[in-house]
């Protein structure tokens, strides 16, 4: 694990010359420009892989006379960047990997580890939750063959997945396990059971506790409940990560809550998809940055991640007050069918407030609300239309159209909201404590996935960073971008043996062309794979070759610091 990188060559030349033949490795990537994940300047050299680990990294000498490392298989990657595999800090591959374990949209961008668990995780489950998971399935159908948090991750790998997988345990999932969808505080006994569930998940490999506080029933949890659960995760070295209670009108209060949880629980904390949502709130990003950097100066470990777009994606639930959603989807839809409640909901949808997060109002207009996924077959022709277009076609207000669509769909409607400024996107990318997450599924441009339109970040988030913002606009240098995609998130998660190109580390390796890497997906045509990544190795297995997925399923569960297994 700790063998030194063999660079520069001149220091090793006498040793190499004394050998009758150079060592032979299984695979050698020859002549690439190595970005080792540290953020340091790159160097030209070779990288060797044996089994599932990096066996050697050799920088070439300045005299140009080095023959480098020798391998049974040698791949010429001259002119290409060689880096650690990218870590997707916010993935919604929970169900998509059950449908297609290749995770192609992520893999062909260089992602070798997807991290799930934004508020919801796929365990722990009770019998009622299992039944609900089976009943609420949309286009993707699957059996629920697990109960525990760790059981789901093991199930994924047993079925076969291309990327490595990790997850936070969802505070929402833990709350539903004990309280269902009720809007109340847990009793002391219920809270003790919730903490026990968090501890069990940490021992099964969770990397920490995740929350998503704008959504019901997570919205119903108070700060003290979250401190208690985060403290349980912290007993095992886990971190706290949050879709904060607000990214808009009440963003400063939300940041203060996250910092309070980190301080009181004694844990590191990360802000999911950092943003200032809504044009009136765009200037507040500077205040958020100052607040976070003040906390970091205090010694708190506060970080954030982001996606590289000015639009977010969630559902129409983020357009409606949380009180109407209490009890789950069926109770929510039943309430919307009551004329008096419907009128009240529509009034609140139109009324600016700091009491709950309205992405509908943050978007500014129904023209900025794009409908991208429906469960009901009769609604699928509306995919790709704005809420304004649907309302106009039906001769109703946008708010009425939203209510009608939810009722007809029998569940939430997948929605894109245009919320952020391009200037703020660049500003966030430049922050040294930012990592990156797609906030999307891992997909392929085929089959059941074509039944809906994802946000293009599913296919383009990481390539867009490297192409548009690094190469074309020079927001940060490439070595810094690689650091933010690799060693930084690995360190934040407490992972060992991942995120750097060091001998003894797992051979999660990406080879890409800095001159051609780019995103191809758009909001109009989102199912388009990124370009410019030539090779990806996952645990030493060649998973993308010459830009195409090989079909290899070598992904593993990456466990957090509290794992008690072997």
Foldseek 3Di string as FASTA:
>chain_A
DDDFAAPDCVVCVVVVVVDPDADEAAEKEAFAFELFLPLDHTATAMWGDHFFFTAHTYGYDPVPPDPHHHYPHYHYQHLWYKYFAFEFQEAPQLQVCVVPQALQLRVLLRHQEYEYAAQAALDQADPVRLVVVQVPDFLGHDHSPDHHRLRSQVVSVVVFHRHAYAYAHHLNRLCCRQPNQDLDEDDPVSLVSSLVSNLVNQQSFHLAYHNECQAGPNVSDDLVSLLSNRLSRVVLQHAYEYQFQELEDCVVVRLVSQLVSCVSSVHAYEYEARAYFAPVRQVCVVVSVVVQVVSVVVVHRYFYEHFQDQKDKDWCSLLWHNVLCGNHLVSNLVQCVPVVSVVVRLVVSPDDDPSHGHLCVSLPHQQQKAFWFARDPVCLVSHGPTLVVQCVVVVHDSSVSLSVRSNVRSHITMIMGRTHDNVVSLVQVLDLRYAYHLNYHSHALDDSVVSTQDALSSNFRSLACLAVVCPPVNSDHPSSNLNRRFVNVCVSSVFPLTRGSGGPRGPFMWIWNSHQWGRDADSNRSNDHTDTTAWTAHSNRTQHHGSRGPSHRPYHHGGGSNHPDD
